[in-house]
């Protein structure tokens, strides 16, 4: 029995005080290679404070 192919794709952005920043040279997405195995997913918001 084959599993469907899947990959993880993350949308990435940077904010400062709730304002989205456009920073040249930084990627806007990260994508994993295609895989035919089950992939567990956990979303974790990240807040960095000085």
N, C-alpha and C. Protein backbone atom coordinates (compact mmCIF):
# COMPACT_ATOMS: atom_id res chain seq x y z
N UNK A 1 0.85 -1.17 0.00
CA UNK A 1 0.00 0.00 0.00
C UNK A 1 0.90 1.24 0.00
N UNK A 2 0.69 2.12 -0.94
CA UNK A 2 1.53 3.31 -1.01
C UNK A 2 0.86 4.49 -0.30
N UNK A 3 1.67 5.37 0.20
CA UNK A 3 1.17 6.58 0.87
C UNK A 3 1.28 7.74 -0.10
N UNK A 4 0.42 8.72 0.05
CA UNK A 4 0.53 9.88 -0.82
C UNK A 4 1.80 10.66 -0.51
N UNK A 5 2.35 11.30 -1.53
CA UNK A 5 3.55 12.12 -1.33
C UNK A 5 3.15 13.44 -0.67
N UNK A 6 3.99 13.92 0.19
CA UNK A 6 3.72 15.17 0.89
C UNK A 6 5.04 15.87 1.19
N UNK A 7 4.95 17.16 1.48
CA UNK A 7 6.12 17.89 1.95
C UNK A 7 5.66 19.01 2.86
N UNK A 8 6.55 19.46 3.70
CA UNK A 8 6.25 20.58 4.59
C UNK A 8 6.67 21.87 3.92
N UNK A 9 5.80 22.87 3.97
CA UNK A 9 6.12 24.19 3.45
C UNK A 9 5.75 25.21 4.52
N UNK A 10 6.74 25.97 4.96
CA UNK A 10 6.53 26.96 6.00
C UNK A 10 6.57 28.36 5.39
N UNK A 11 5.59 29.19 5.72
CA UNK A 11 5.58 30.60 5.37
C UNK A 11 6.31 31.32 6.49
N UNK A 12 7.32 32.11 6.12
CA UNK A 12 8.16 32.76 7.13
C UNK A 12 8.10 34.27 6.94
N UNK A 13 7.89 34.99 8.05
CA UNK A 13 7.98 36.45 7.99
C UNK A 13 8.49 36.98 9.33
N UNK A 14 8.98 38.22 9.29
CA UNK A 14 9.55 38.85 10.48
C UNK A 14 8.68 40.05 10.83
N UNK A 15 8.37 40.19 12.10
CA UNK A 15 7.58 41.33 12.58
C UNK A 15 8.32 42.03 13.70
N UNK A 16 8.09 43.33 13.79
CA UNK A 16 8.59 44.12 14.92
C UNK A 16 7.43 44.95 15.43
N UNK A 17 7.06 44.71 16.68
CA UNK A 17 5.90 45.38 17.29
C UNK A 17 4.63 45.21 16.45
N UNK A 18 4.46 44.03 15.88
CA UNK A 18 3.27 43.74 15.09
C UNK A 18 3.31 44.21 13.66
N UNK A 19 4.37 44.91 13.25
CA UNK A 19 4.50 45.38 11.87
C UNK A 19 5.40 44.43 11.10
N UNK A 20 4.89 43.96 9.98
CA UNK A 20 5.66 43.03 9.17
C UNK A 20 6.81 43.76 8.50
N UNK A 21 8.02 43.17 8.57
CA UNK A 21 9.21 43.76 7.97
C UNK A 21 9.60 42.99 6.71
N UNK A 22 9.96 43.71 5.68
CA UNK A 22 10.49 43.10 4.46
C UNK A 22 12.00 43.26 4.49
N UNK A 23 12.71 42.16 4.69
CA UNK A 23 14.16 42.19 4.79
C UNK A 23 14.76 41.50 3.56
N UNK A 24 15.52 42.26 2.78
CA UNK A 24 16.13 41.73 1.56
C UNK A 24 17.03 40.55 1.87
N UNK A 25 16.96 39.54 1.04
CA UNK A 25 17.83 38.38 1.16
C UNK A 25 17.31 37.26 2.03
N UNK A 26 16.26 37.50 2.82
CA UNK A 26 15.71 36.43 3.66
C UNK A 26 14.65 35.66 2.89
N UNK A 27 14.63 34.35 3.02
CA UNK A 27 13.60 33.57 2.34
C UNK A 27 12.22 33.83 2.93
N UNK A 28 11.19 33.70 2.11
CA UNK A 28 9.82 33.85 2.59
C UNK A 28 9.16 32.50 2.84
N UNK A 29 9.78 31.42 2.35
CA UNK A 29 9.27 30.07 2.60
C UNK A 29 10.43 29.11 2.80
N UNK A 30 10.17 28.06 3.55
CA UNK A 30 11.07 26.92 3.67
C UNK A 30 10.26 25.70 3.27
N UNK A 31 10.83 24.85 2.42
CA UNK A 31 10.11 23.66 1.96
C UNK A 31 11.01 22.43 2.11
N UNK A 32 10.43 21.35 2.60
CA UNK A 32 11.16 20.10 2.72
C UNK A 32 11.08 19.35 1.39
N UNK A 33 11.93 18.35 1.22
CA UNK A 33 11.80 17.51 0.03
C UNK A 33 10.49 16.71 0.08
N UNK A 34 10.05 16.25 -1.07
CA UNK A 34 8.86 15.40 -1.13
C UNK A 34 9.14 14.09 -0.43
N UNK A 35 8.16 13.55 0.29
CA UNK A 35 8.32 12.32 1.04
C UNK A 35 7.05 11.48 0.91
N UNK A 36 7.21 10.17 0.94
CA UNK A 36 6.04 9.29 0.87
C UNK A 36 5.75 8.65 2.22
N UNK A 37 6.23 9.27 3.29
CA UNK A 37 5.96 8.76 4.64
C UNK A 37 5.06 9.73 5.38
N UNK A 38 4.45 9.25 6.44
CA UNK A 38 3.60 10.11 7.26
C UNK A 38 4.47 11.15 7.97
N UNK A 39 4.00 12.38 8.01
CA UNK A 39 4.77 13.47 8.62
C UNK A 39 3.94 14.08 9.75
N UNK A 40 4.42 13.97 11.00
CA UNK A 40 3.71 14.63 12.10
C UNK A 40 3.91 16.15 12.01
N UNK A 41 2.89 16.89 12.35
CA UNK A 41 2.96 18.34 12.25
C UNK A 41 2.65 18.97 13.60
N UNK A 42 3.49 19.92 14.01
CA UNK A 42 3.25 20.70 15.22
C UNK A 42 3.55 22.15 14.90
N UNK A 43 2.59 23.04 15.11
CA UNK A 43 2.80 24.45 14.87
C UNK A 43 3.11 25.14 16.19
N UNK A 44 4.17 25.92 16.20
CA UNK A 44 4.58 26.60 17.41
C UNK A 44 4.85 28.06 17.07
N UNK A 45 4.04 28.99 17.61
CA UNK A 45 4.33 30.39 17.37
C UNK A 45 5.56 30.78 18.19
N UNK A 46 6.35 31.67 17.64
CA UNK A 46 7.57 32.09 18.30
C UNK A 46 7.54 33.59 18.50
N UNK A 47 7.70 34.03 19.74
CA UNK A 47 7.76 35.45 20.06
C UNK A 47 9.09 35.70 20.75
N UNK A 48 9.89 36.60 20.15
CA UNK A 48 11.19 36.93 20.72
C UNK A 48 11.10 38.33 21.31
N UNK A 49 11.41 38.45 22.57
CA UNK A 49 11.37 39.75 23.26
C UNK A 49 12.77 40.09 23.75
N UNK A 50 13.10 41.40 23.72
CA UNK A 50 14.44 41.79 24.20
C UNK A 50 14.56 41.57 25.70
